[in-house]
Amino acid sequence: MLLASAVSLGTAIAPVLAEGSAVIELAQSRPQGGGERPPRAAMQACSGKSAADACEFTLDDEQVTGTCRSPDAKRPLACVSGHADHSQG
C-alpha cells in the first residue's frame, strides 16, 4: 500500500517538476538586463570579429560605435555602444 501511494505521489509531482524546470530553463536562456536581443545590425557588425574588437553599425539613421561583446560564450557577439547602460538593478 505504501509503495502504491509513493508511485501515485510521484506521478502527481512529475508534471509540476517538469513545468518548474522549463520555467528555470527559460529564465536562464534570457540575457540579463532586459532580456531583449540586440538588433541584427549589431550582431552583423561583429561577424568575423573577436570580443573587445571595435565595431560600428547604423540604427535608425544613427551611427553607433562600440565594442563587440557577448553575455556568455553561448551567445553571438554584438556591437555594444560605449554609451549603453549596463547597470544591473
N, C-alpha and C. Protein backbone atom coordinates (compact mmCIF):
# COMPACT_ATOMS: atom_id res chain seq x y z
N MET A 1 0.83 -1.19 0.00
CA MET A 1 0.00 0.00 0.00
C MET A 1 0.87 1.25 0.00
N LEU A 2 1.94 1.24 0.79
CA LEU A 2 2.83 2.39 0.87
C LEU A 2 3.50 2.63 -0.48
N LEU A 3 3.90 1.57 -1.16
CA LEU A 3 4.53 1.70 -2.47
C LEU A 3 3.56 2.30 -3.48
N ALA A 4 2.31 1.88 -3.46
CA ALA A 4 1.30 2.42 -4.38
C ALA A 4 1.09 3.90 -4.13
N SER A 5 1.10 4.32 -2.87
CA SER A 5 0.95 5.74 -2.54
C SER A 5 2.13 6.54 -3.04
N ALA A 6 3.33 6.00 -2.91
CA ALA A 6 4.53 6.69 -3.37
C ALA A 6 4.52 6.84 -4.88
N VAL A 7 4.08 5.80 -5.58
CA VAL A 7 4.00 5.87 -7.04
C VAL A 7 2.98 6.91 -7.46
N SER A 8 1.82 6.94 -6.80
CA SER A 8 0.79 7.93 -7.12
C SER A 8 1.30 9.34 -6.87
N LEU A 9 1.99 9.54 -5.77
CA LEU A 9 2.54 10.84 -5.44
C LEU A 9 3.58 11.25 -6.48
N GLY A 10 4.43 10.31 -6.87
CA GLY A 10 5.44 10.59 -7.89
C GLY A 10 4.81 10.97 -9.22
N THR A 11 3.73 10.29 -9.58
CA THR A 11 3.03 10.59 -10.82
C THR A 11 2.39 11.97 -10.76
N ALA A 12 1.91 12.36 -9.59
CA ALA A 12 1.27 13.68 -9.44
C ALA A 12 2.30 14.80 -9.43
N ILE A 13 3.48 14.56 -8.89
CA ILE A 13 4.50 15.60 -8.77
C ILE A 13 5.30 15.76 -10.06
N ALA A 14 5.48 14.72 -10.83
CA ALA A 14 6.33 14.78 -12.02
C ALA A 14 5.96 15.92 -12.97
N PRO A 15 4.68 16.13 -13.31
CA PRO A 15 4.36 17.25 -14.22
C PRO A 15 4.71 18.61 -13.62
N VAL A 16 4.54 18.76 -12.31
CA VAL A 16 4.86 20.02 -11.64
C VAL A 16 6.36 20.27 -11.71
N LEU A 17 7.15 19.24 -11.44
CA LEU A 17 8.61 19.38 -11.51
C LEU A 17 9.06 19.70 -12.93
N ALA A 18 8.46 19.04 -13.91
CA ALA A 18 8.83 19.30 -15.30
C ALA A 18 8.50 20.73 -15.69
N GLU A 19 7.34 21.22 -15.25
CA GLU A 19 6.95 22.60 -15.56
C GLU A 19 7.91 23.58 -14.89
N GLY A 20 8.28 23.30 -13.64
CA GLY A 20 9.21 24.17 -12.93
C GLY A 20 10.57 24.23 -13.60
N SER A 21 11.06 23.11 -14.09
CA SER A 21 12.36 23.11 -14.75
C SER A 21 12.30 23.85 -16.08
N ALA A 22 11.15 23.81 -16.75
CA ALA A 22 11.00 24.56 -18.00
C ALA A 22 11.05 26.06 -17.74
N VAL A 23 10.46 26.50 -16.64
CA VAL A 23 10.49 27.92 -16.28
C VAL A 23 11.91 28.35 -15.95
N ILE A 24 12.64 27.54 -15.21
CA ILE A 24 14.03 27.86 -14.87
C ILE A 24 14.87 27.91 -16.13
N GLU A 25 14.68 26.96 -17.03
CA GLU A 25 15.43 26.93 -18.28
C GLU A 25 15.15 28.18 -19.11
N LEU A 26 13.89 28.60 -19.18
CA LEU A 26 13.52 29.79 -19.93
C LEU A 26 14.16 31.03 -19.31
N ALA A 27 14.13 31.13 -18.00
CA ALA A 27 14.73 32.29 -17.32
C ALA A 27 16.22 32.34 -17.56
N GLN A 28 16.89 31.20 -17.57
CA GLN A 28 18.32 31.18 -17.78
C GLN A 28 18.69 31.45 -19.23
N SER A 29 17.78 31.21 -20.16
CA SER A 29 18.09 31.42 -21.57
C SER A 29 18.00 32.88 -21.97
N ARG A 30 17.39 33.71 -21.15
CA ARG A 30 17.25 35.13 -21.46
C ARG A 30 18.43 35.90 -20.90
N PRO A 31 18.99 36.80 -21.69
CA PRO A 31 20.09 37.61 -21.18
C PRO A 31 19.63 38.54 -20.09
N GLN A 32 20.52 38.85 -19.16
CA GLN A 32 20.19 39.78 -18.10
C GLN A 32 20.14 41.19 -18.65
N GLY A 33 19.50 42.07 -17.91
CA GLY A 33 19.46 43.46 -18.31
C GLY A 33 18.37 43.76 -19.32
N GLY A 34 17.23 43.12 -19.21
CA GLY A 34 16.12 43.45 -20.08
C GLY A 34 15.65 42.28 -20.92
N GLY A 35 16.55 41.36 -21.24
CA GLY A 35 16.16 40.18 -21.98
C GLY A 35 15.91 40.39 -23.45
N GLU A 36 16.20 41.55 -23.99
CA GLU A 36 15.99 41.80 -25.40
C GLU A 36 17.20 41.38 -26.21
N ARG A 37 16.94 40.91 -27.41
CA ARG A 37 18.03 40.57 -28.33
C ARG A 37 18.58 41.85 -28.92
N PRO A 38 19.88 41.87 -29.19
CA PRO A 38 20.44 43.05 -29.86
C PRO A 38 19.92 43.13 -31.29
N PRO A 39 19.93 44.32 -31.86
CA PRO A 39 19.50 44.45 -33.26
C PRO A 39 20.38 43.59 -34.17
N ARG A 40 19.80 43.11 -35.25
CA ARG A 40 20.54 42.29 -36.21
C ARG A 40 21.80 43.01 -36.69
N ALA A 41 21.68 44.32 -36.93
CA ALA A 41 22.83 45.10 -37.41
C ALA A 41 23.97 45.08 -36.39
N ALA A 42 23.64 45.04 -35.10
CA ALA A 42 24.66 45.00 -34.05
C ALA A 42 25.41 43.67 -34.08
N MET A 43 24.68 42.58 -34.35
CA MET A 43 25.33 41.27 -34.44
C MET A 43 26.14 41.16 -35.72
N GLN A 44 25.61 41.68 -36.82
CA GLN A 44 26.34 41.63 -38.09
C GLN A 44 27.62 42.45 -38.02
N ALA A 45 27.62 43.53 -37.23
CA ALA A 45 28.80 44.38 -37.11
C ALA A 45 29.97 43.63 -36.47
N CYS A 46 29.67 42.57 -35.73
CA CYS A 46 30.73 41.80 -35.06
C CYS A 46 31.01 40.47 -35.74
N SER A 47 30.37 40.22 -36.86
CA SER A 47 30.62 38.99 -37.60
C SER A 47 32.08 38.93 -38.02
N GLY A 48 32.76 37.86 -37.66
CA GLY A 48 34.17 37.69 -38.00
C GLY A 48 35.12 38.44 -37.08
N LYS A 49 34.59 39.04 -36.02
CA LYS A 49 35.43 39.77 -35.07
C LYS A 49 35.53 39.01 -33.76
N SER A 50 36.41 39.49 -32.90
CA SER A 50 36.60 38.90 -31.58
C SER A 50 36.03 39.83 -30.51
N ALA A 51 35.82 39.28 -29.32
CA ALA A 51 35.35 40.09 -28.20
C ALA A 51 36.32 41.24 -27.96
N ALA A 52 35.78 42.41 -27.69
CA ALA A 52 36.51 43.65 -27.40
C ALA A 52 37.01 44.36 -28.66
N ASP A 53 36.78 43.79 -29.86
CA ASP A 53 37.13 44.49 -31.10
C ASP A 53 36.20 45.69 -31.28
N ALA A 54 36.72 46.75 -31.88
CA ALA A 54 35.90 47.92 -32.20
C ALA A 54 34.89 47.55 -33.28
N CYS A 55 33.73 48.18 -33.23
CA CYS A 55 32.69 47.91 -34.22
C CYS A 55 31.82 49.14 -34.40
N GLU A 56 31.06 49.12 -35.48
CA GLU A 56 30.10 50.20 -35.73
C GLU A 56 29.00 49.69 -36.63
N PHE A 57 27.82 50.30 -36.48
CA PHE A 57 26.68 49.97 -37.33
C PHE A 57 25.71 51.14 -37.32
N THR A 58 24.75 51.10 -38.22
CA THR A 58 23.75 52.15 -38.31
C THR A 58 22.42 51.62 -37.80
N LEU A 59 21.79 52.40 -36.92
CA LEU A 59 20.49 52.03 -36.36
C LEU A 59 19.60 53.26 -36.39
N ASP A 60 18.49 53.17 -37.09
CA ASP A 60 17.56 54.31 -37.21
C ASP A 60 18.27 55.57 -37.69
N ASP A 61 19.07 55.43 -38.73
CA ASP A 61 19.82 56.55 -39.33
C ASP A 61 20.84 57.18 -38.39
N GLU A 62 21.22 56.47 -37.34
CA GLU A 62 22.23 56.96 -36.40
C GLU A 62 23.41 56.01 -36.39
N GLN A 63 24.61 56.55 -36.49
CA GLN A 63 25.82 55.73 -36.47
C GLN A 63 26.15 55.36 -35.01
N VAL A 64 26.29 54.08 -34.74
CA VAL A 64 26.61 53.59 -33.41
C VAL A 64 28.01 53.00 -33.45
N THR A 65 28.87 53.41 -32.53
CA THR A 65 30.21 52.82 -32.41
C THR A 65 30.32 52.19 -31.03
N GLY A 66 31.07 51.12 -30.95
CA GLY A 66 31.22 50.43 -29.68
C GLY A 66 32.24 49.32 -29.77
N THR A 67 32.05 48.30 -28.94
CA THR A 67 32.92 47.13 -28.93
C THR A 67 32.07 45.87 -29.00
N CYS A 68 32.66 44.82 -29.54
CA CYS A 68 31.96 43.54 -29.65
C CYS A 68 31.96 42.87 -28.28
N ARG A 69 30.77 42.47 -27.84
CA ARG A 69 30.62 41.82 -26.53
C ARG A 69 29.56 40.73 -26.62
N SER A 70 29.61 39.85 -25.64
CA SER A 70 28.60 38.79 -25.51
C SER A 70 28.42 38.50 -24.03
N PRO A 71 27.19 38.24 -23.58
CA PRO A 71 26.99 37.94 -22.16
C PRO A 71 27.61 36.61 -21.74
N ASP A 72 27.78 35.69 -22.68
CA ASP A 72 28.44 34.42 -22.38
C ASP A 72 28.88 33.76 -23.68
N ALA A 73 29.64 32.70 -23.56
CA ALA A 73 30.23 32.03 -24.73
C ALA A 73 29.18 31.39 -25.65
N LYS A 74 27.97 31.17 -25.16
CA LYS A 74 26.93 30.52 -25.96
C LYS A 74 26.20 31.49 -26.88
N ARG A 75 26.39 32.77 -26.67
CA ARG A 75 25.66 33.78 -27.45
C ARG A 75 26.62 34.47 -28.42
N PRO A 76 26.11 34.87 -29.57
CA PRO A 76 26.97 35.55 -30.55
C PRO A 76 27.37 36.93 -30.06
N LEU A 77 28.49 37.41 -30.59
CA LEU A 77 28.94 38.76 -30.28
C LEU A 77 27.98 39.77 -30.89
N ALA A 78 27.87 40.92 -30.24
CA ALA A 78 27.07 42.03 -30.77
C ALA A 78 27.80 43.31 -30.44
N CYS A 79 27.65 44.30 -31.29
CA CYS A 79 28.28 45.60 -31.09
C CYS A 79 27.50 46.35 -30.01
N VAL A 80 28.20 46.71 -28.94
CA VAL A 80 27.58 47.40 -27.81
C VAL A 80 28.18 48.79 -27.70
N SER A 81 27.33 49.79 -27.72
CA SER A 81 27.77 51.18 -27.62
C SER A 81 28.43 51.44 -26.28
N GLY A 82 29.43 52.29 -26.27
CA GLY A 82 30.06 52.71 -25.02
C GLY A 82 29.12 53.52 -24.16
N HIS A 83 28.00 53.98 -24.75
CA HIS A 83 27.03 54.79 -24.01
C HIS A 83 25.87 53.95 -23.48
N ALA A 84 25.89 52.65 -23.73
CA ALA A 84 24.79 51.79 -23.27
C ALA A 84 24.81 51.69 -21.76
N ASP A 85 23.64 51.58 -21.17
CA ASP A 85 23.51 51.45 -19.72
C ASP A 85 23.67 49.98 -19.35
N HIS A 86 24.71 49.67 -18.60
CA HIS A 86 24.98 48.28 -18.22
C HIS A 86 24.69 48.02 -16.76
N SER A 87 24.00 48.94 -16.08
CA SER A 87 23.73 48.77 -14.65
C SER A 87 22.75 47.63 -14.45
N GLN A 88 22.91 46.93 -13.37
CA GLN A 88 22.04 45.81 -13.01
C GLN A 88 21.22 46.21 -11.80
N GLY A 89 19.93 46.36 -11.95
CA GLY A 89 19.03 46.59 -10.84
C GLY A 89 19.03 47.98 -10.42
